[in-house]
């Protein structure tokens, strides 16, 4: 794979964030959000996050990740 200094810096930052989060996606997202907030304050920027609705999330999921219908026999 081709790489350059910018990509190497990106990979180092991602590895560091993953280590800080302890392989917990929620912690990883919190750490990233905290860094983004710091960048907003430092540089006078404002990032807006898009919230995906449930329909959009399900349509983008892989077939294996989509929820399966539950039969009444399984619940009972």
N, C-alpha and C. Protein backbone atom coordinates (compact mmCIF):
# COMPACT_ATOMS: atom_id res chain seq x y z
N UNK A 1 0.84 -1.17 0.00
CA UNK A 1 0.00 0.00 0.00
C UNK A 1 0.89 1.24 0.00
N UNK A 2 0.53 2.20 -0.80
CA UNK A 2 1.27 3.46 -0.85
C UNK A 2 0.95 4.28 0.39
N UNK A 3 1.95 4.98 0.89
CA UNK A 3 1.75 5.79 2.07
C UNK A 3 2.59 7.05 1.97
N UNK A 4 2.27 8.01 2.81
CA UNK A 4 3.05 9.24 2.90
C UNK A 4 3.01 9.71 4.35
N UNK A 5 3.65 10.84 4.62
CA UNK A 5 3.74 11.33 5.99
C UNK A 5 2.37 11.62 6.60
N UNK A 6 1.47 12.16 5.80
CA UNK A 6 0.14 12.48 6.30
C UNK A 6 -0.62 11.22 6.69
N UNK A 7 -0.56 10.20 5.84
CA UNK A 7 -1.24 8.94 6.18
C UNK A 7 -0.61 8.29 7.40
N UNK A 8 0.70 8.33 7.50
CA UNK A 8 1.37 7.75 8.67
C UNK A 8 0.92 8.46 9.95
N UNK A 9 0.80 9.78 9.90
CA UNK A 9 0.33 10.53 11.06
C UNK A 9 -1.11 10.15 11.40
N UNK A 10 -1.93 9.97 10.39
CA UNK A 10 -3.32 9.56 10.60
C UNK A 10 -3.38 8.20 11.27
N UNK A 11 -2.58 7.26 10.79
CA UNK A 11 -2.57 5.91 11.36
C UNK A 11 -2.07 5.92 12.80
N UNK A 12 -1.05 6.74 13.09
CA UNK A 12 -0.55 6.84 14.47
C UNK A 12 -1.64 7.39 15.39
N UNK A 13 -2.35 8.41 14.93
CA UNK A 13 -3.42 9.00 15.74
C UNK A 13 -4.53 7.99 15.98
N UNK A 14 -4.90 7.22 14.95
CA UNK A 14 -5.95 6.22 15.11
C UNK A 14 -5.53 5.13 16.08
N UNK A 15 -4.27 4.69 15.99
CA UNK A 15 -3.78 3.67 16.92
C UNK A 15 -3.79 4.18 18.35
N UNK A 16 -3.35 5.44 18.53
CA UNK A 16 -3.33 6.02 19.88
C UNK A 16 -4.74 6.13 20.45
N UNK A 17 -5.70 6.55 19.63
CA UNK A 17 -7.09 6.66 20.10
C UNK A 17 -7.66 5.29 20.43
N UNK A 18 -7.33 4.29 19.63
CA UNK A 18 -7.81 2.94 19.90
C UNK A 18 -7.24 2.41 21.21
N UNK A 19 -5.96 2.70 21.47
CA UNK A 19 -5.35 2.27 22.73
C UNK A 19 -5.99 2.98 23.92
N UNK A 20 -6.26 4.27 23.78
CA UNK A 20 -6.90 5.02 24.86
C UNK A 20 -8.30 4.50 25.14
N UNK A 21 -9.01 4.12 24.09
CA UNK A 21 -10.38 3.64 24.25
C UNK A 21 -10.47 2.21 24.73
N UNK A 22 -9.36 1.48 24.73
CA UNK A 22 -9.38 0.10 25.21
C UNK A 22 -10.28 -0.78 24.37
N UNK A 23 -10.28 -0.60 23.08
CA UNK A 23 -11.11 -1.39 22.15
C UNK A 23 -12.61 -1.22 22.41
N UNK A 24 -12.99 -0.10 23.00
CA UNK A 24 -14.40 0.20 23.24
C UNK A 24 -14.79 1.32 22.28
N UNK A 25 -15.72 1.03 21.39
CA UNK A 25 -16.12 2.00 20.37
C UNK A 25 -16.68 3.28 20.97
N UNK A 26 -17.43 3.16 22.06
CA UNK A 26 -18.01 4.33 22.70
C UNK A 26 -16.91 5.25 23.24
N UNK A 27 -15.91 4.67 23.89
CA UNK A 27 -14.79 5.47 24.41
C UNK A 27 -14.01 6.11 23.27
N UNK A 28 -13.82 5.36 22.19
CA UNK A 28 -13.12 5.88 21.01
C UNK A 28 -13.86 7.11 20.48
N UNK A 29 -15.17 7.00 20.34
CA UNK A 29 -15.97 8.11 19.82
C UNK A 29 -15.92 9.31 20.76
N UNK A 30 -15.95 9.07 22.08
CA UNK A 30 -15.86 10.17 23.04
C UNK A 30 -14.52 10.89 22.93
N UNK A 31 -13.44 10.12 22.79
CA UNK A 31 -12.11 10.72 22.66
C UNK A 31 -12.01 11.56 21.39
N UNK A 32 -12.53 11.03 20.29
CA UNK A 32 -12.49 11.78 19.03
C UNK A 32 -13.31 13.06 19.16
N UNK A 33 -14.48 12.97 19.77
CA UNK A 33 -15.34 14.14 19.95
C UNK A 33 -14.64 15.21 20.79
N UNK A 34 -13.96 14.79 21.86
CA UNK A 34 -13.22 15.71 22.71
C UNK A 34 -12.13 16.43 21.91
N UNK A 35 -11.43 15.69 21.06
CA UNK A 35 -10.38 16.30 20.23
C UNK A 35 -10.98 17.28 19.23
N UNK A 36 -12.11 16.92 18.64
CA UNK A 36 -12.78 17.80 17.68
C UNK A 36 -13.21 19.08 18.37
N UNK A 37 -13.75 18.97 19.57
CA UNK A 37 -14.16 20.17 20.31
C UNK A 37 -12.97 21.08 20.59
N UNK A 38 -11.83 20.49 20.92
CA UNK A 38 -10.62 21.28 21.15
C UNK A 38 -10.18 22.00 19.88
N UNK A 39 -10.24 21.31 18.74
CA UNK A 39 -9.88 21.93 17.46
C UNK A 39 -10.85 23.05 17.11
N UNK A 40 -12.13 22.86 17.43
CA UNK A 40 -13.12 23.92 17.17
C UNK A 40 -12.77 25.19 17.95
N UNK A 41 -12.44 25.00 19.22
CA UNK A 41 -12.10 26.17 20.05
C UNK A 41 -10.79 26.82 19.57
N UNK A 42 -9.81 26.01 19.28
CA UNK A 42 -8.50 26.53 18.91
C UNK A 42 -8.53 27.30 17.59
N UNK A 43 -9.26 26.76 16.60
CA UNK A 43 -9.24 27.35 15.27
C UNK A 43 -10.51 28.13 14.90
N UNK A 44 -11.46 28.22 15.83
CA UNK A 44 -12.68 28.98 15.57
C UNK A 44 -13.58 28.31 14.54
N UNK A 45 -13.60 26.99 14.53
CA UNK A 45 -14.42 26.24 13.59
C UNK A 45 -15.65 25.69 14.29
N UNK A 46 -16.60 25.23 13.50
CA UNK A 46 -17.76 24.53 14.04
C UNK A 46 -18.10 23.37 13.12
N UNK A 47 -17.92 22.15 13.64
CA UNK A 47 -18.26 20.96 12.88
C UNK A 47 -19.67 20.52 13.24
N UNK A 48 -20.40 20.11 12.25
CA UNK A 48 -21.76 19.61 12.49
C UNK A 48 -21.79 18.13 12.17
N UNK A 49 -22.40 17.36 13.06
CA UNK A 49 -22.52 15.92 12.87
C UNK A 49 -23.90 15.62 12.30
N UNK A 50 -23.94 14.67 11.42
CA UNK A 50 -25.22 14.24 10.84
C UNK A 50 -25.71 13.03 11.62
N UNK A 51 -26.94 13.06 11.99
CA UNK A 51 -27.55 11.91 12.66
C UNK A 51 -28.31 11.10 11.63
N UNK A 52 -27.91 9.86 11.48
CA UNK A 52 -28.59 8.98 10.54
C UNK A 52 -29.85 8.42 11.20
N UNK A 53 -30.90 8.33 10.42
CA UNK A 53 -32.11 7.74 10.97
C UNK A 53 -32.00 6.21 10.87
N UNK A 54 -32.89 5.52 11.53
CA UNK A 54 -32.82 4.06 11.60
C UNK A 54 -32.92 3.43 10.21
N UNK A 55 -33.77 3.98 9.35
CA UNK A 55 -33.94 3.43 8.02
C UNK A 55 -32.64 3.52 7.22
N UNK A 56 -31.95 4.65 7.31
CA UNK A 56 -30.68 4.83 6.60
C UNK A 56 -29.64 3.86 7.14
N UNK A 57 -29.58 3.70 8.44
CA UNK A 57 -28.59 2.82 9.04
C UNK A 57 -28.81 1.38 8.60
N UNK A 58 -30.06 0.95 8.55
CA UNK A 58 -30.34 -0.43 8.15
C UNK A 58 -30.07 -0.66 6.68
N UNK A 59 -30.31 0.34 5.83
CA UNK A 59 -30.10 0.16 4.41
C UNK A 59 -28.62 0.08 4.07
N UNK A 60 -27.77 0.66 4.92
CA UNK A 60 -26.33 0.63 4.68
C UNK A 60 -25.65 -0.55 5.35
N UNK A 61 -26.35 -1.26 6.19
CA UNK A 61 -25.76 -2.39 6.90
C UNK A 61 -25.55 -3.56 5.95
N UNK A 62 -24.58 -4.37 6.28
CA UNK A 62 -24.35 -5.57 5.48
C UNK A 62 -25.48 -6.55 5.76
N UNK A 63 -25.76 -7.45 4.83
CA UNK A 63 -26.86 -8.39 5.05
C UNK A 63 -26.71 -9.19 6.34
N UNK A 64 -25.51 -9.56 6.73
CA UNK A 64 -25.31 -10.32 7.94
C UNK A 64 -25.59 -9.48 9.19
N UNK A 65 -25.44 -8.18 9.10
CA UNK A 65 -25.63 -7.31 10.25
C UNK A 65 -27.07 -6.85 10.42
N UNK A 66 -27.91 -7.08 9.41
CA UNK A 66 -29.29 -6.64 9.52
C UNK A 66 -30.04 -7.55 10.48
N UNK A 67 -30.94 -6.97 11.28
CA UNK A 67 -31.68 -7.79 12.23
C UNK A 67 -32.60 -8.77 11.53
N UNK A 68 -32.70 -9.92 12.12
CA UNK A 68 -33.57 -10.96 11.57
C UNK A 68 -34.92 -10.92 12.27
N UNK A 69 -36.00 -11.20 11.54
CA UNK A 69 -37.30 -11.22 12.18
C UNK A 69 -37.37 -12.35 13.22
N UNK A 70 -38.04 -12.08 14.32
CA UNK A 70 -38.17 -13.07 15.38
C UNK A 70 -39.53 -13.74 15.24
N UNK A 71 -39.51 -15.05 15.22
CA UNK A 71 -40.79 -15.78 15.12
C UNK A 71 -41.41 -15.89 16.51
N UNK A 72 -42.69 -16.10 16.56
CA UNK A 72 -43.39 -16.21 17.83
C UNK A 72 -42.93 -17.46 18.58
N UNK A 73 -42.52 -18.50 17.87
CA UNK A 73 -42.07 -19.72 18.51
C UNK A 73 -40.76 -19.48 19.26
N UNK A 74 -39.90 -18.64 18.71
CA UNK A 74 -38.62 -18.37 19.35
C UNK A 74 -38.82 -17.60 20.65
N UNK A 75 -39.78 -16.69 20.67
CA UNK A 75 -40.03 -15.86 21.85
C UNK A 75 -40.69 -16.64 22.95
N UNK A 76 -41.57 -17.53 22.64
CA UNK A 76 -42.35 -18.25 23.63
C UNK A 76 -41.59 -19.28 24.39
